[in-house]
């Protein structure tokens, strides 16, 4: 096992992923805000080029597998917001907290597995520093009828 540093964006590239542009806010807020050594992102929807690739409730119109991929996209969008605020993802010391919301069919109880899409990506991008505390919450509806929303808090140098 090695502690050799690999830039987070290089790790994304190894996964076949690229950091998108920052998703435009859908209301009156900023995508991310730095306070001291922490950056808090606003809730990030799984936007791709300004549009939601899927809408609806997980466990009804959206499969858990698709929702997990959408949660990964939310995390990518959150990382884009962090980079825009910080300038370089290599300055992230650790991911502290992930909060995820899953628009859920009333009988759906797999929110933690859906949010693994975000958590697993952060672990792959930041290694040990990507391990974090997390909440996975089922809700009736999300903005724009999005299936998933994710916000993160990162500690930075």
C-alpha atoms as a PDB file:
ATOM      1  CA  UNK A   1       0.000   0.000   0.000  1.00  0.00           C
ATOM      2  CA  UNK A   2       1.327   3.418  -0.913  1.00  0.00           C
ATOM      3  CA  UNK A   3       0.588   6.933   0.280  1.00  0.00           C
ATOM      4  CA  UNK A   4       1.604   8.444  -3.052  1.00  0.00           C
ATOM      5  CA  UNK A   5      -0.506  11.502  -3.852  1.00  0.00           C
ATOM      6  CA  UNK A   6      -2.756  11.281  -6.892  1.00  0.00           C
ATOM      7  CA  UNK A   7      -4.578  14.470  -7.867  1.00  0.00           C
ATOM      8  CA  UNK A   8      -8.355  14.099  -7.352  1.00  0.00           C
ATOM      9  CA  UNK A   9      -9.065  15.042 -10.976  1.00  0.00           C
ATOM     10  CA  UNK A  10      -6.626  12.351 -12.137  1.00  0.00           C
ATOM     11  CA  UNK A  11      -8.560   9.852 -10.016  1.00  0.00           C
ATOM     12  CA  UNK A  12     -11.776  11.032 -11.679  1.00  0.00           C
ATOM     13  CA  UNK A  13     -10.150  10.504 -15.083  1.00  0.00           C
ATOM     14  CA  UNK A  14      -9.103   6.976 -14.049  1.00  0.00           C
ATOM     15  CA  UNK A  15     -12.802   6.338 -13.328  1.00  0.00           C
ATOM     16  CA  UNK A  16     -13.744   7.659 -16.773  1.00  0.00           C
ATOM     17  CA  UNK A  17     -15.301  10.796 -15.259  1.00  0.00           C
ATOM     18  CA  UNK A  18     -14.680  14.493 -15.756  1.00  0.00           C
ATOM     19  CA  UNK A  19     -15.610  17.368 -13.516  1.00  0.00           C
ATOM     20  CA  UNK A  20     -18.569  19.265 -15.010  1.00  0.00           C
ATOM     21  CA  UNK A  21     -19.084  23.001 -14.945  1.00  0.00           C
ATOM     22  CA  UNK A  22     -20.817  24.329 -11.843  1.00  0.00           C
ATOM     23  CA  UNK A  23     -24.562  23.730 -12.014  1.00  0.00           C
ATOM     24  CA  UNK A  24     -26.477  27.006 -11.999  1.00  0.00           C
ATOM     25  CA  UNK A  25     -28.585  27.558  -8.867  1.00  0.00           C
ATOM     26  CA  UNK A  26     -32.317  27.021  -9.349  1.00  0.00           C
ATOM     27  CA  UNK A  27     -33.214  29.655  -6.700  1.00  0.00           C
ATOM     28  CA  UNK A  28     -31.636  32.376  -4.502  1.00  0.00           C
ATOM     29  CA  UNK A  29     -28.425  30.767  -3.172  1.00  0.00           C
ATOM     30  CA  UNK A  30     -24.803  30.147  -4.098  1.00  0.00           C
ATOM     31  CA  UNK A  31     -23.476  26.714  -5.131  1.00  0.00           C
ATOM     32  CA  UNK A  32     -20.814  26.672  -2.381  1.00  0.00           C
ATOM     33  CA  UNK A  33     -19.596  28.848   0.456  1.00  0.00           C
ATOM     34  CA  UNK A  34     -16.303  28.816   2.293  1.00  0.00           C
ATOM     35  CA  UNK A  35     -16.145  29.629   5.978  1.00  0.00           C
ATOM     36  CA  UNK A  36     -12.756  29.205   7.625  1.00  0.00           C
ATOM     37  CA  UNK A  37     -11.312  25.839   6.627  1.00  0.00           C
ATOM     38  CA  UNK A  38     -14.651  24.405   5.465  1.00  0.00           C
ATOM     39  CA  UNK A  39     -16.597  24.562   2.259  1.00  0.00           C
ATOM     40  CA  UNK A  40     -20.308  23.798   2.405  1.00  0.00           C
ATOM     41  CA  UNK A  41     -22.095  23.083  -0.846  1.00  0.00           C
ATOM     42  CA  UNK A  42     -25.726  23.770  -1.458  1.00  0.00           C
ATOM     43  CA  UNK A  43     -27.821  20.767  -2.324  1.00  0.00           C
ATOM     44  CA  UNK A  44     -26.718  19.578  -5.755  1.00  0.00           C
ATOM     45  CA  UNK A  45     -29.182  17.988  -8.143  1.00  0.00           C
ATOM     46  CA  UNK A  46     -27.988  15.453 -10.736  1.00  0.00           C
ATOM     47  CA  UNK A  47     -27.921  18.075 -13.505  1.00  0.00           C
ATOM     48  CA  UNK A  48     -26.227  17.191 -16.790  1.00  0.00           C
ATOM     49  CA  UNK A  49     -25.727  20.187 -19.066  1.00  0.00           C
ATOM     50  CA  UNK A  50     -28.436  22.131 -17.254  1.00  0.00           C
ATOM     51  CA  UNK A  51     -31.065  19.381 -17.320  1.00  0.00           C
ATOM     52  CA  UNK A  52     -32.182  16.513 -15.140  1.00  0.00           C
ATOM     53  CA  UNK A  53     -31.591  13.212 -16.954  1.00  0.00           C
ATOM     54  CA  UNK A  54     -34.454  11.592 -14.974  1.00  0.00           C
ATOM     55  CA  UNK A  55     -37.282  12.752 -12.762  1.00  0.00           C
ATOM     56  CA  UNK A  56     -39.656  11.012 -10.389  1.00  0.00           C
ATOM     57  CA  UNK A  57     -39.668   8.943  -7.243  1.00  0.00           C
ATOM     58  CA  UNK A  58     -37.137   6.242  -6.485  1.00  0.00           C
ATOM     59  CA  UNK A  59     -38.901   2.906  -6.175  1.00  0.00           C
ATOM     60  CA  UNK A  60     -41.564   4.005  -8.682  1.00  0.00           C
ATOM     61  CA  UNK A  61     -40.440   5.878 -11.831  1.00  0.00           C
ATOM     62  CA  UNK A  62     -36.708   5.641 -11.037  1.00  0.00           C
ATOM     63  CA  UNK A  63     -34.907   2.389 -10.212  1.00  0.00           C
ATOM     64  CA  UNK A  64     -32.565   2.236  -7.209  1.00  0.00           C
ATOM     65  CA  UNK A  65     -29.674   1.506  -9.593  1.00  0.00           C
ATOM     66  CA  UNK A  66     -30.423   4.591 -11.698  1.00  0.00           C
ATOM     67  CA  UNK A  67     -30.811   6.655  -8.521  1.00  0.00           C
ATOM     68  CA  UNK A  68     -27.381   5.495  -7.311  1.00  0.00           C
ATOM     69  CA  UNK A  69     -25.857   6.738 -10.588  1.00  0.00           C
ATOM     70  CA  UNK A  70     -27.741  10.020 -10.163  1.00  0.00           C
ATOM     71  CA  UNK A  71     -26.336  10.366  -6.635  1.00  0.00           C
ATOM     72  CA  UNK A  72     -22.859   9.969  -8.116  1.00  0.00           C
ATOM     73  CA  UNK A  73     -23.681  12.797 -10.534  1.00  0.00           C
ATOM     74  CA  UNK A  74     -24.823  14.939  -7.595  1.00  0.00           C
ATOM     75  CA  UNK A  75     -21.441  14.330  -5.943  1.00  0.00           C
ATOM     76  CA  UNK A  76     -19.631  15.301  -9.162  1.00  0.00           C
ATOM     77  CA  UNK A  77     -21.634  18.520  -9.254  1.00  0.00           C
ATOM     78  CA  UNK A  78     -20.767  19.148  -5.599  1.00  0.00           C
ATOM     79  CA  UNK A  79     -17.076  18.652  -6.376  1.00  0.00           C
ATOM     80  CA  UNK A  80     -17.387  21.146  -9.233  1.00  0.00           C
ATOM     81  CA  UNK A  81     -18.852  23.679  -6.784  1.00  0.00           C
ATOM     82  CA  UNK A  82     -16.016  23.003  -4.321  1.00  0.00           C
ATOM     83  CA  UNK A  83     -13.406  23.454  -7.035  1.00  0.00           C
ATOM     84  CA  UNK A  84     -14.995  26.737  -8.157  1.00  0.00           C
ATOM     85  CA  UNK A  85     -14.807  28.036  -4.590  1.00  0.00           C
ATOM     86  CA  UNK A  86     -11.334  26.649  -3.825  1.00  0.00           C
ATOM     87  CA  UNK A  87      -9.534  26.633  -7.168  1.00  0.00           C
ATOM     88  CA  UNK A  88      -7.994  23.153  -6.845  1.00  0.00           C
ATOM     89  CA  UNK A  89      -9.450  19.921  -5.460  1.00  0.00           C
ATOM     90  CA  UNK A  90      -5.966  18.961  -4.263  1.00  0.00           C
ATOM     91  CA  UNK A  91      -6.534  21.458  -1.431  1.00  0.00           C
ATOM     92  CA  UNK A  92      -9.331  19.336   0.036  1.00  0.00           C
ATOM     93  CA  UNK A  93      -8.007  17.857   3.280  1.00  0.00           C
ATOM     94  CA  UNK A  94     -11.011  15.587   3.853  1.00  0.00           C
ATOM     95  CA  UNK A  95     -14.676  15.083   3.155  1.00  0.00           C
ATOM     96  CA  UNK A  96     -16.413  15.688   6.473  1.00  0.00           C
ATOM     97  CA  UNK A  97     -20.133  15.163   5.838  1.00  0.00           C
ATOM     98  CA  UNK A  98     -22.515  14.113   3.097  1.00  0.00           C
ATOM     99  CA  UNK A  99     -26.239  14.737   3.354  1.00  0.00           C
ATOM    100  CA  UNK A 100     -28.430  13.104   0.747  1.00  0.00           C
ATOM    101  CA  UNK A 101     -32.114  13.331   0.026  1.00  0.00           C
ATOM    102  CA  UNK A 102     -33.968  10.702  -1.990  1.00  0.00           C
ATOM    103  CA  UNK A 103     -37.423  11.449  -3.400  1.00  0.00           C
ATOM    104  CA  UNK A 104     -38.960   8.132  -2.433  1.00  0.00           C
ATOM    105  CA  UNK A 105     -42.028   6.120  -3.251  1.00  0.00           C
ATOM    106  CA  UNK A 106     -43.793   5.537   0.105  1.00  0.00           C
ATOM    107  CA  UNK A 107     -42.671   1.905   0.263  1.00  0.00           C
ATOM    108  CA  UNK A 108     -39.039   2.542  -0.694  1.00  0.00           C
ATOM    109  CA  UNK A 109     -36.516   2.126   2.142  1.00  0.00           C
ATOM    110  CA  UNK A 110     -33.222   1.818   0.257  1.00  0.00           C
ATOM    111  CA  UNK A 111     -32.030   5.418   0.673  1.00  0.00           C
ATOM    112  CA  UNK A 112     -28.611   4.407   2.105  1.00  0.00           C
ATOM    113  CA  UNK A 113     -27.826   2.248  -0.948  1.00  0.00           C
ATOM    114  CA  UNK A 114     -28.808   5.095  -3.287  1.00  0.00           C
ATOM    115  CA  UNK A 115     -26.508   7.527  -1.464  1.00  0.00           C
ATOM    116  CA  UNK A 116     -23.643   5.061  -1.785  1.00  0.00           C
ATOM    117  CA  UNK A 117     -23.331   6.425  -5.330  1.00  0.00           C
ATOM    118  CA  UNK A 118     -22.070   9.690  -3.849  1.00  0.00           C
ATOM    119  CA  UNK A 119     -20.137   8.174  -0.942  1.00  0.00           C
ATOM    120  CA  UNK A 120     -18.303   5.593  -3.036  1.00  0.00           C
ATOM    121  CA  UNK A 121     -17.255   8.238  -5.570  1.00  0.00           C
ATOM    122  CA  UNK A 122     -15.875  10.505  -2.846  1.00  0.00           C
ATOM    123  CA  UNK A 123     -13.952   7.566  -1.402  1.00  0.00           C
ATOM    124  CA  UNK A 124     -12.474   6.714  -4.784  1.00  0.00           C
ATOM    125  CA  UNK A 125     -11.512  10.340  -5.485  1.00  0.00           C
ATOM    126  CA  UNK A 126     -10.021  11.188  -2.081  1.00  0.00           C
ATOM    127  CA  UNK A 127      -9.049   7.785  -0.670  1.00  0.00           C
ATOM    128  CA  UNK A 128      -8.955   7.715   3.151  1.00  0.00           C
ATOM    129  CA  UNK A 129      -9.745  11.438   3.188  1.00  0.00           C
ATOM    130  CA  UNK A 130     -13.000  10.653   1.395  1.00  0.00           C
ATOM    131  CA  UNK A 131     -14.454   8.706   4.335  1.00  0.00           C
ATOM    132  CA  UNK A 132     -17.185  10.829   5.893  1.00  0.00           C
ATOM    133  CA  UNK A 133     -20.193  11.050   8.158  1.00  0.00           C
ATOM    134  CA  UNK A 134     -23.502  10.829   6.265  1.00  0.00           C
ATOM    135  CA  UNK A 135     -27.250  11.170   6.437  1.00  0.00           C
ATOM    136  CA  UNK A 136     -29.566   9.521   3.892  1.00  0.00           C
ATOM    137  CA  UNK A 137     -33.087  10.903   4.073  1.00  0.00           C
ATOM    138  CA  UNK A 138     -36.217   9.879   2.184  1.00  0.00           C
ATOM    139  CA  UNK A 139     -38.476  12.768   1.197  1.00  0.00           C
ATOM    140  CA  UNK A 140     -41.786  13.168  -0.641  1.00  0.00           C
ATOM    141  CA  UNK A 141     -40.478  15.453  -3.395  1.00  0.00           C
ATOM    142  CA  UNK A 142     -37.353  17.385  -4.385  1.00  0.00           C
ATOM    143  CA  UNK A 143     -36.911  20.529  -6.504  1.00  0.00           C
ATOM    144  CA  UNK A 144     -37.775  20.047 -10.187  1.00  0.00           C
ATOM    145  CA  UNK A 145     -38.974  16.511  -9.319  1.00  0.00           C
ATOM    146  CA  UNK A 146     -35.342  15.377  -9.019  1.00  0.00           C
ATOM    147  CA  UNK A 147     -34.909  11.856  -7.652  1.00  0.00           C
ATOM    148  CA  UNK A 148     -31.812  12.716  -5.570  1.00  0.00           C
ATOM    149  CA  UNK A 149     -30.066  15.721  -4.025  1.00  0.00           C
ATOM    150  CA  UNK A 150     -26.668  15.739  -2.291  1.00  0.00           C
ATOM    151  CA  UNK A 151     -24.761  18.331  -0.281  1.00  0.00           C
ATOM    152  CA  UNK A 152     -21.246  17.973   1.094  1.00  0.00           C
ATOM    153  CA  UNK A 153     -18.961  19.630   3.615  1.00  0.00           C
ATOM    154  CA  UNK A 154     -15.219  19.446   3.029  1.00  0.00           C
ATOM    155  CA  UNK A 155     -12.279  20.584   5.149  1.00  0.00           C
ATOM    156  CA  UNK A 156      -9.638  22.433   3.148  1.00  0.00           C
ATOM    157  CA  UNK A 157      -6.083  23.685   3.704  1.00  0.00           C
END
